[in-house]
All heavy atoms as atom14 arrays in JSON, in Angstrom:
{
  "sequence": "MDFIAEIVLSYVDLLLSKKLRILKITKYKILRYRDDYRIFTN",
  "atom14_mask": [
    [1, 1, 1, 1, 1, 1, 1, 1, 0, 0, 0, 0, 0, 0],
    [1, 1, 1, 1, 1, 1, 1, 1, 0, 0, 0, 0, 0, 0],
    [1, 1, 1, 1, 1, 1, 1, 1, 1, 1, 1, 0, 0, 0],
    [1, 1, 1, 1, 1, 1, 1, 1, 0, 0, 0, 0, 0, 0],
    [1, 1, 1, 1, 1, 0, 0, 0, 0, 0, 0, 0, 0, 0],
    [1, 1, 1, 1, 1, 1, 1, 1, 1, 0, 0, 0, 0, 0],
    [1, 1, 1, 1, 1, 1, 1, 1, 0, 0, 0, 0, 0, 0],
    [1, 1, 1, 1, 1, 1, 1, 0, 0, 0, 0, 0, 0, 0],
    [1, 1, 1, 1, 1, 1, 1, 1, 0, 0, 0, 0, 0, 0],
    [1, 1, 1, 1, 1, 1, 0, 0, 0, 0, 0, 0, 0, 0],
    [1, 1, 1, 1, 1, 1, 1, 1, 1, 1, 1, 1, 0, 0],
    [1, 1, 1, 1, 1, 1, 1, 0, 0, 0, 0, 0, 0, 0],
    [1, 1, 1, 1, 1, 1, 1, 1, 0, 0, 0, 0, 0, 0],
    [1, 1, 1, 1, 1, 1, 1, 1, 0, 0, 0, 0, 0, 0],
    [1, 1, 1, 1, 1, 1, 1, 1, 0, 0, 0, 0, 0, 0],
    [1, 1, 1, 1, 1, 1, 1, 1, 0, 0, 0, 0, 0, 0],
    [1, 1, 1, 1, 1, 1, 0, 0, 0, 0, 0, 0, 0, 0],
    [1, 1, 1, 1, 1, 1, 1, 1, 1, 0, 0, 0, 0, 0],
    [1, 1, 1, 1, 1, 1, 1, 1, 1, 0, 0, 0, 0, 0],
    [1, 1, 1, 1, 1, 1, 1, 1, 0, 0, 0, 0, 0, 0],
    [1, 1, 1, 1, 1, 1, 1, 1, 1, 1, 1, 0, 0, 0],
    [1, 1, 1, 1, 1, 1, 1, 1, 0, 0, 0, 0, 0, 0],
    [1, 1, 1, 1, 1, 1, 1, 1, 0, 0, 0, 0, 0, 0],
    [1, 1, 1, 1, 1, 1, 1, 1, 1, 0, 0, 0, 0, 0],
    [1, 1, 1, 1, 1, 1, 1, 1, 0, 0, 0, 0, 0, 0],
    [1, 1, 1, 1, 1, 1, 1, 0, 0, 0, 0, 0, 0, 0],
    [1, 1, 1, 1, 1, 1, 1, 1, 1, 0, 0, 0, 0, 0],
    [1, 1, 1, 1, 1, 1, 1, 1, 1, 1, 1, 1, 0, 0],
    [1, 1, 1, 1, 1, 1, 1, 1, 1, 0, 0, 0, 0, 0],
    [1, 1, 1, 1, 1, 1, 1, 1, 0, 0, 0, 0, 0, 0],
    [1, 1, 1, 1, 1, 1, 1, 1, 0, 0, 0, 0, 0, 0],
    [1, 1, 1, 1, 1, 1, 1, 1, 1, 1, 1, 0, 0, 0],
    [1, 1, 1, 1, 1, 1, 1, 1, 1, 1, 1, 1, 0, 0],
    [1, 1, 1, 1, 1, 1, 1, 1, 1, 1, 1, 0, 0, 0],
    [1, 1, 1, 1, 1, 1, 1, 1, 0, 0, 0, 0, 0, 0],
    [1, 1, 1, 1, 1, 1, 1, 1, 0, 0, 0, 0, 0, 0],
    [1, 1, 1, 1, 1, 1, 1, 1, 1, 1, 1, 1, 0, 0],
    [1, 1, 1, 1, 1, 1, 1, 1, 1, 1, 1, 0, 0, 0],
    [1, 1, 1, 1, 1, 1, 1, 1, 0, 0, 0, 0, 0, 0],
    [1, 1, 1, 1, 1, 1, 1, 1, 1, 1, 1, 0, 0, 0],
    [1, 1, 1, 1, 1, 1, 1, 0, 0, 0, 0, 0, 0, 0],
    [1, 1, 1, 1, 1, 1, 1, 1, 0, 0, 0, 0, 0, 0]
  ],
  "atom14_positions": [
    [[0.7, 68.87, 148.45], [1.17, 69.56, 147.24], [0.24, 69.31, 146.06], [0.07, 70.18, 145.21], [2.59, 69.1, 146.91], [3.63, 69.61, 147.89], [3.7, 71.43, 147.99], [3.46, 71.68, 149.74], [0.0, 0.0, 0.0], [0.0, 0.0, 0.0], [0.0, 0.0, 0.0], [0.0, 0.0, 0.0], [0.0, 0.0, 0.0], [0.0, 0.0, 0.0]],
    [[-0.39, 68.13, 146.02], [-1.41, 67.89, 145.0], [-2.53, 68.91, 145.12], [-3.03, 69.44, 144.12], [-1.99, 66.48, 145.13], [-1.0, 65.38, 144.77], [0.03, 65.69, 144.15], [-1.25, 64.22, 145.13], [0.0, 0.0, 0.0], [0.0, 0.0, 0.0], [0.0, 0.0, 0.0], [0.0, 0.0, 0.0], [0.0, 0.0, 0.0], [0.0, 0.0, 0.0]],
    [[-2.91, 69.19, 146.36], [-3.99, 70.13, 146.61], [-3.58, 71.56, 146.22], [-4.36, 72.29, 145.61], [-4.4, 70.09, 148.08], [-5.54, 71.01, 148.42], [-6.81, 70.79, 147.92], [-5.34, 72.1, 149.25], [-7.87, 71.65, 148.23], [-6.38, 72.96, 149.57], [-7.66, 72.73, 149.05], [0.0, 0.0, 0.0], [0.0, 0.0, 0.0], [0.0, 0.0, 0.0]],
    [[-2.36, 71.94, 146.54], [-1.88, 73.28, 146.18], [-1.8, 73.41, 144.66], [-2.14, 74.47, 144.1], [-0.53, 73.57, 146.86], [-0.77, 73.77, 148.37], [0.15, 74.8, 146.25], [0.49, 73.87, 149.2], [0.0, 0.0, 0.0], [0.0, 0.0, 0.0], [0.0, 0.0, 0.0], [0.0, 0.0, 0.0], [0.0, 0.0, 0.0], [0.0, 0.0, 0.0]],
    [[-1.37, 72.35, 143.99], [-1.36, 72.37, 142.52], [-2.77, 72.56, 141.98], [-2.98, 73.29, 141.0], [-0.76, 71.07, 141.99], [0.0, 0.0, 0.0], [0.0, 0.0, 0.0], [0.0, 0.0, 0.0], [0.0, 0.0, 0.0], [0.0, 0.0, 0.0], [0.0, 0.0, 0.0], [0.0, 0.0, 0.0], [0.0, 0.0, 0.0], [0.0, 0.0, 0.0]],
    [[-3.76, 71.95, 142.65], [-5.15, 72.09, 142.22], [-5.65, 73.52, 142.36], [-6.49, 73.97, 141.57], [-6.06, 71.13, 143.0], [-5.97, 69.68, 142.58], [-6.3, 69.44, 141.12], [-7.07, 70.23, 140.53], [-5.78, 68.48, 140.56], [0.0, 0.0, 0.0], [0.0, 0.0, 0.0], [0.0, 0.0, 0.0], [0.0, 0.0, 0.0], [0.0, 0.0, 0.0]],
    [[-5.16, 74.22, 143.35], [-5.54, 75.63, 143.51], [-5.14, 76.42, 142.26], [-5.92, 77.18, 141.7], [-4.9, 76.25, 144.78], [-5.49, 75.61, 146.05], [-5.1, 77.76, 144.8], [-4.81, 76.05, 147.34], [0.0, 0.0, 0.0], [0.0, 0.0, 0.0], [0.0, 0.0, 0.0], [0.0, 0.0, 0.0], [0.0, 0.0, 0.0], [0.0, 0.0, 0.0]],
    [[-3.9, 76.2, 141.82], [-3.39, 76.92, 140.64], [-4.11, 76.46, 139.37], [-4.54, 77.28, 138.54], [-1.86, 76.73, 140.51], [-1.35, 77.36, 139.23], [-1.14, 77.31, 141.72], [0.0, 0.0, 0.0], [0.0, 0.0, 0.0], [0.0, 0.0, 0.0], [0.0, 0.0, 0.0], [0.0, 0.0, 0.0], [0.0, 0.0, 0.0], [0.0, 0.0, 0.0]],
    [[-4.25, 75.15, 139.2], [-4.84, 74.62, 137.97], [-6.35, 74.93, 137.89], [-6.88, 75.13, 136.79], [-4.6, 73.12, 137.88], [-3.12, 72.73, 137.73], [-2.95, 71.22, 137.78], [-2.54, 73.27, 136.43], [0.0, 0.0, 0.0], [0.0, 0.0, 0.0], [0.0, 0.0, 0.0], [0.0, 0.0, 0.0], [0.0, 0.0, 0.0], [0.0, 0.0, 0.0]],
    [[-7.02, 75.0, 139.03], [-8.43, 75.39, 139.03], [-8.58, 76.88, 138.7], [-9.58, 77.29, 138.09], [-9.06, 75.08, 140.39], [-9.06, 73.69, 140.62], [0.0, 0.0, 0.0], [0.0, 0.0, 0.0], [0.0, 0.0, 0.0], [0.0, 0.0, 0.0], [0.0, 0.0, 0.0], [0.0, 0.0, 0.0], [0.0, 0.0, 0.0], [0.0, 0.0, 0.0]],
    [[-7.59, 77.67, 139.07], [-7.54, 79.09, 138.68], [-7.42, 79.19, 137.16], [-8.07, 80.03, 136.53], [-6.37, 79.75, 139.39], [-6.11, 81.2, 139.04], [-7.11, 82.16, 139.12], [-4.83, 81.62, 138.66], [-6.85, 83.49, 138.83], [-4.56, 82.94, 138.37], [-5.58, 83.88, 138.46], [-5.32, 85.2, 138.18], [0.0, 0.0, 0.0], [0.0, 0.0, 0.0]],
    [[-6.62, 78.32, 136.58], [-6.49, 78.26, 135.12], [-7.85, 77.93, 134.5], [-8.25, 78.53, 133.49], [-5.44, 77.21, 134.69], [-5.46, 77.0, 133.17], [-4.04, 77.63, 135.14], [0.0, 0.0, 0.0], [0.0, 0.0, 0.0], [0.0, 0.0, 0.0], [0.0, 0.0, 0.0], [0.0, 0.0, 0.0], [0.0, 0.0, 0.0], [0.0, 0.0, 0.0]],
    [[-8.59, 76.99, 135.11], [-9.94, 76.64, 134.62], [-10.84, 77.87, 134.59], [-11.59, 78.1, 133.64], [-10.59, 75.58, 135.52], [-9.87, 74.24, 135.49], [-9.07, 74.02, 134.55], [-10.1, 73.42, 136.4], [0.0, 0.0, 0.0], [0.0, 0.0, 0.0], [0.0, 0.0, 0.0], [0.0, 0.0, 0.0], [0.0, 0.0, 0.0], [0.0, 0.0, 0.0]],
    [[-10.74, 78.67, 135.65], [-11.56, 79.88, 135.74], [-11.2, 80.88, 134.64], [-12.08, 81.43, 133.96], [-11.38, 80.53, 137.12], [-12.07, 81.88, 137.35], [-13.58, 81.73, 137.29], [-11.65, 82.48, 138.69], [0.0, 0.0, 0.0], [0.0, 0.0, 0.0], [0.0, 0.0, 0.0], [0.0, 0.0, 0.0], [0.0, 0.0, 0.0], [0.0, 0.0, 0.0]],
    [[-9.9, 81.12, 134.46], [-9.45, 82.05, 133.42], [-9.85, 81.57, 132.03], [-10.23, 82.36, 131.16], [-7.93, 82.23, 133.5], [-7.37, 82.84, 134.8], [-5.85, 82.89, 134.76], [-7.94, 84.23, 135.06], [0.0, 0.0, 0.0], [0.0, 0.0, 0.0], [0.0, 0.0, 0.0], [0.0, 0.0, 0.0], [0.0, 0.0, 0.0], [0.0, 0.0, 0.0]],
    [[-9.77, 80.25, 131.82], [-10.16, 79.68, 130.52], [-11.66, 79.87, 130.29], [-12.08, 80.22, 129.17], [-9.79, 78.2, 130.49], [-10.11, 77.45, 129.19], [-9.38, 78.06, 128.01], [-9.75, 75.96, 129.33], [0.0, 0.0, 0.0], [0.0, 0.0, 0.0], [0.0, 0.0, 0.0], [0.0, 0.0, 0.0], [0.0, 0.0, 0.0], [0.0, 0.0, 0.0]],
    [[-12.46, 79.67, 131.32], [-13.92, 79.86, 131.2], [-14.24, 81.27, 130.74], [-15.07, 81.49, 129.85], [-14.6, 79.6, 132.54], [-14.46, 78.26, 132.92], [0.0, 0.0, 0.0], [0.0, 0.0, 0.0], [0.0, 0.0, 0.0], [0.0, 0.0, 0.0], [0.0, 0.0, 0.0], [0.0, 0.0, 0.0], [0.0, 0.0, 0.0], [0.0, 0.0, 0.0]],
    [[-13.58, 82.24, 131.35], [-13.82, 83.65, 131.01], [-13.44, 83.95, 129.56], [-14.16, 84.63, 128.84], [-13.04, 84.56, 131.96], [-13.57, 84.55, 133.39], [-12.74, 85.44, 134.3], [-13.31, 85.48, 135.72], [-12.48, 86.31, 136.63], [0.0, 0.0, 0.0], [0.0, 0.0, 0.0], [0.0, 0.0, 0.0], [0.0, 0.0, 0.0], [0.0, 0.0, 0.0]],
    [[-12.31, 83.42, 129.13], [-11.83, 83.65, 127.76], [-12.78, 83.02, 126.73], [-13.05, 83.6, 125.68], [-10.43, 83.07, 127.59], [-9.32, 83.87, 128.24], [-8.94, 85.07, 127.38], [-7.68, 85.75, 127.94], [-7.3, 86.92, 127.1], [0.0, 0.0, 0.0], [0.0, 0.0, 0.0], [0.0, 0.0, 0.0], [0.0, 0.0, 0.0], [0.0, 0.0, 0.0]],
    [[-13.27, 81.82, 127.03], [-14.14, 81.13, 126.08], [-15.49, 81.83, 125.96], [-16.11, 81.81, 124.89], [-14.32, 79.67, 126.49], [-13.04, 78.8, 126.44], [-13.35, 77.37, 126.8], [-12.39, 78.88, 125.07], [0.0, 0.0, 0.0], [0.0, 0.0, 0.0], [0.0, 0.0, 0.0], [0.0, 0.0, 0.0], [0.0, 0.0, 0.0], [0.0, 0.0, 0.0]],
    [[-15.94, 82.45, 127.05], [-17.17, 83.24, 126.96], [-16.98, 84.42, 126.02], [-17.85, 84.74, 125.21], [-17.59, 83.73, 128.36], [-18.34, 82.7, 129.17], [-19.16, 83.33, 130.28], [-18.34, 84.09, 131.23], [-17.75, 83.56, 132.3], [-17.89, 82.26, 132.55], [-17.03, 84.31, 133.11], [0.0, 0.0, 0.0], [0.0, 0.0, 0.0], [0.0, 0.0, 0.0]],
    [[-15.83, 85.07, 126.12], [-15.52, 86.21, 125.24], [-15.44, 85.76, 123.79], [-15.91, 86.45, 122.87], [-14.18, 86.87, 125.68], [-14.34, 87.51, 127.07], [-13.72, 87.91, 124.66], [-13.03, 87.96, 127.69], [0.0, 0.0, 0.0], [0.0, 0.0, 0.0], [0.0, 0.0, 0.0], [0.0, 0.0, 0.0], [0.0, 0.0, 0.0], [0.0, 0.0, 0.0]],
    [[-14.87, 84.57, 123.57], [-14.73, 84.02, 122.22], [-16.03, 83.42, 121.7], [-16.1, 82.98, 120.54], [-13.63, 82.97, 122.19], [-12.2, 83.46, 122.45], [-11.24, 82.29, 122.63], [-11.74, 84.36, 121.3], [0.0, 0.0, 0.0], [0.0, 0.0, 0.0], [0.0, 0.0, 0.0], [0.0, 0.0, 0.0], [0.0, 0.0, 0.0], [0.0, 0.0, 0.0]],
    [[-17.07, 83.38, 122.58], [-18.38, 82.83, 122.22], [-18.32, 81.35, 121.8], [-19.07, 80.91, 120.92], [-19.05, 83.68, 121.14], [-19.42, 85.08, 121.61], [-20.14, 85.86, 120.53], [-20.79, 87.13, 121.06], [-19.91, 88.01, 121.81], [0.0, 0.0, 0.0], [0.0, 0.0, 0.0], [0.0, 0.0, 0.0], [0.0, 0.0, 0.0], [0.0, 0.0, 0.0]],
    [[-17.41, 80.62, 122.43], [-17.35, 79.17, 122.23], [-18.18, 78.54, 123.34], [-17.85, 78.67, 124.52], [-15.89, 78.65, 122.27], [-15.09, 79.28, 121.13], [-15.86, 77.13, 122.16], [-13.61, 78.92, 121.15], [0.0, 0.0, 0.0], [0.0, 0.0, 0.0], [0.0, 0.0, 0.0], [0.0, 0.0, 0.0], [0.0, 0.0, 0.0], [0.0, 0.0, 0.0]],
    [[-19.26, 77.88, 122.98], [-20.19, 77.39, 123.99], [-20.39, 75.88, 123.99], [-20.74, 75.3, 125.01], [-21.56, 78.06, 123.82], [-22.05, 77.79, 122.49], [-21.47, 79.58, 124.01], [0.0, 0.0, 0.0], [0.0, 0.0, 0.0], [0.0, 0.0, 0.0], [0.0, 0.0, 0.0], [0.0, 0.0, 0.0], [0.0, 0.0, 0.0], [0.0, 0.0, 0.0]],
    [[-20.2, 75.25, 122.83], [-20.46, 73.8, 122.73], [-19.15, 73.03, 122.91], [-18.43, 72.74, 121.95], [-21.1, 73.47, 121.38], [-21.52, 72.02, 121.2], [-22.6, 71.6, 122.19], [-23.05, 70.17, 121.92], [-24.02, 69.67, 122.92], [0.0, 0.0, 0.0], [0.0, 0.0, 0.0], [0.0, 0.0, 0.0], [0.0, 0.0, 0.0], [0.0, 0.0, 0.0]],
    [[-18.83, 72.72, 124.16], [-17.59, 71.99, 124.46], [-17.72, 71.35, 125.83], [-18.61, 71.67, 126.62], [-16.38, 72.93, 124.44], [-16.4, 73.97, 125.55], [-15.8, 73.7, 126.78], [-17.03, 75.2, 125.38], [-15.84, 74.64, 127.82], [-17.06, 76.14, 126.4], [-16.47, 75.86, 127.62], [-16.51, 76.78, 128.63], [0.0, 0.0, 0.0], [0.0, 0.0, 0.0]],
    [[-16.82, 70.42, 126.1], [-16.71, 69.82, 127.44], [-15.24, 69.55, 127.68], [-14.54, 69.02, 126.8], [-17.49, 68.51, 127.51], [-17.52, 67.87, 128.89], [-18.44, 68.6, 129.84], [-18.59, 67.87, 131.17], [-19.52, 68.55, 132.08], [0.0, 0.0, 0.0], [0.0, 0.0, 0.0], [0.0, 0.0, 0.0], [0.0, 0.0, 0.0], [0.0, 0.0, 0.0]],
    [[-14.74, 69.91, 128.85], [-13.35, 69.67, 129.21], [-13.3, 68.84, 130.49], [-13.9, 69.22, 131.49], [-12.56, 70.98, 129.4], [-12.55, 71.78, 128.09], [-11.12, 70.69, 129.86], [-11.94, 73.18, 128.22], [0.0, 0.0, 0.0], [0.0, 0.0, 0.0], [0.0, 0.0, 0.0], [0.0, 0.0, 0.0], [0.0, 0.0, 0.0], [0.0, 0.0, 0.0]],
    [[-12.61, 67.72, 130.42], [-12.35, 66.91, 131.61], [-10.88, 67.1, 131.96], [-10.0, 66.89, 131.11], [-12.63, 65.43, 131.36], [-14.06, 65.05, 130.93], [-14.16, 63.54, 130.75], [-15.09, 65.53, 131.94], [0.0, 0.0, 0.0], [0.0, 0.0, 0.0], [0.0, 0.0, 0.0], [0.0, 0.0, 0.0], [0.0, 0.0, 0.0], [0.0, 0.0, 0.0]],
    [[-10.62, 67.51, 133.18], [-9.22, 67.69, 133.61], [-8.94, 66.79, 134.81], [-9.69, 66.78, 135.78], [-8.93, 69.16, 133.99], [-7.49, 69.36, 134.45], [-7.17, 70.81, 134.73], [-7.91, 71.35, 135.87], [-7.6, 71.12, 137.14], [-6.58, 70.31, 137.46], [-8.32, 71.68, 138.12], [0.0, 0.0, 0.0], [0.0, 0.0, 0.0], [0.0, 0.0, 0.0]],
    [[-7.84, 66.07, 134.7], [-7.34, 65.31, 135.85], [-5.92, 65.79, 136.11], [-5.0, 65.48, 135.35], [-7.35, 63.8, 135.59], [-7.06, 63.0, 136.84], [-8.09, 62.62, 137.7], [-5.75, 62.69, 137.2], [-7.83, 61.92, 138.87], [-5.48, 61.99, 138.37], [-6.51, 61.61, 139.19], [-6.25, 60.92, 140.35], [0.0, 0.0, 0.0], [0.0, 0.0, 0.0]],
    [[-5.79, 66.62, 137.14], [-4.54, 67.28, 137.43], [-4.06, 68.06, 136.2], [-4.74, 68.98, 135.77], [-3.5, 66.29, 137.94], [-2.42, 66.95, 138.79], [-1.75, 65.96, 139.73], [-2.68, 65.45, 140.71], [-2.78, 64.18, 141.08], [-2.01, 63.28, 140.52], [-3.63, 63.82, 142.0], [0.0, 0.0, 0.0], [0.0, 0.0, 0.0], [0.0, 0.0, 0.0]],
    [[-2.94, 67.71, 135.6], [-2.41, 68.51, 134.48], [-2.75, 67.9, 133.13], [-2.21, 68.28, 132.1], [-0.89, 68.67, 134.61], [-0.16, 67.34, 134.6], [-0.82, 66.3, 134.78], [1.07, 67.34, 134.43], [0.0, 0.0, 0.0], [0.0, 0.0, 0.0], [0.0, 0.0, 0.0], [0.0, 0.0, 0.0], [0.0, 0.0, 0.0], [0.0, 0.0, 0.0]],
    [[-3.67, 66.94, 133.11], [-4.07, 66.25, 131.89], [-5.45, 66.73, 131.45], [-6.4, 66.71, 132.25], [-4.08, 64.73, 132.16], [-4.5, 63.94, 130.94], [-3.63, 63.63, 130.13], [-5.71, 63.64, 130.82], [0.0, 0.0, 0.0], [0.0, 0.0, 0.0], [0.0, 0.0, 0.0], [0.0, 0.0, 0.0], [0.0, 0.0, 0.0], [0.0, 0.0, 0.0]],
    [[-5.56, 67.16, 130.19], [-6.81, 67.72, 129.68], [-7.38, 66.86, 128.55], [-6.63, 66.39, 127.68], [-6.59, 69.12, 129.12], [-6.2, 70.17, 130.12], [-4.88, 70.29, 130.56], [-7.14, 71.07, 130.65], [-4.5, 71.26, 131.48], [-6.77, 72.04, 131.56], [-5.45, 72.14, 131.98], [-5.08, 73.1, 132.89], [0.0, 0.0, 0.0], [0.0, 0.0, 0.0]],
    [[-8.7, 66.71, 128.55], [-9.42, 66.12, 127.42], [-10.47, 67.14, 126.99], [-11.39, 67.45, 127.75], [-10.07, 64.79, 127.83], [-9.06, 63.73, 128.24], [-9.71, 62.41, 128.57], [-8.69, 61.41, 128.91], [-8.86, 60.1, 128.87], [-10.04, 59.62, 128.5], [-7.89, 59.27, 129.18], [0.0, 0.0, 0.0], [0.0, 0.0, 0.0], [0.0, 0.0, 0.0]],
    [[-10.32, 67.65, 125.77], [-11.18, 68.72, 125.28], [-12.11, 68.15, 124.2], [-11.64, 67.71, 123.14], [-10.33, 69.88, 124.7], [-9.39, 70.43, 125.79], [-11.22, 70.98, 124.13], [-8.32, 71.37, 125.27], [0.0, 0.0, 0.0], [0.0, 0.0, 0.0], [0.0, 0.0, 0.0], [0.0, 0.0, 0.0], [0.0, 0.0, 0.0], [0.0, 0.0, 0.0]],
    [[-13.41, 68.12, 124.47], [-14.4, 67.54, 123.57], [-15.15, 68.66, 122.83], [-15.63, 69.61, 123.47], [-15.41, 66.7, 124.34], [-14.79, 65.52, 125.06], [-14.21, 65.66, 126.31], [-14.79, 64.26, 124.46], [-13.63, 64.59, 126.97], [-14.22, 63.18, 125.12], [-13.64, 63.34, 126.37], [0.0, 0.0, 0.0], [0.0, 0.0, 0.0], [0.0, 0.0, 0.0]],
    [[-15.27, 68.53, 121.51], [-16.03, 69.5, 120.71], [-16.67, 68.77, 119.52], [-16.38, 67.6, 119.26], [-15.13, 70.63, 120.14], [-14.22, 70.06, 119.2], [-14.37, 71.34, 121.24], [0.0, 0.0, 0.0], [0.0, 0.0, 0.0], [0.0, 0.0, 0.0], [0.0, 0.0, 0.0], [0.0, 0.0, 0.0], [0.0, 0.0, 0.0], [0.0, 0.0, 0.0]],
    [[-17.49, 69.51, 118.79], [-18.01, 69.0, 117.52], [-17.35, 69.67, 116.34], [-17.68, 69.4, 115.18], [-19.53, 69.21, 117.44], [-20.28, 68.19, 118.29], [-19.97, 67.0, 118.26], [-21.25, 68.67, 119.07], [0.0, 0.0, 0.0], [0.0, 0.0, 0.0], [0.0, 0.0, 0.0], [0.0, 0.0, 0.0], [0.0, 0.0, 0.0], [0.0, 0.0, 0.0]]
  ]
}
């Protein structure tokens, strides 16, 4: 079930990547561990 959750959450990562490209946000780093996010920016 952890793996199945990763399928869904990795899909979220993909959708977020696409949206951020449209928004032209390029200088960032996101570390995700399961449902926990750390979003780094300047």
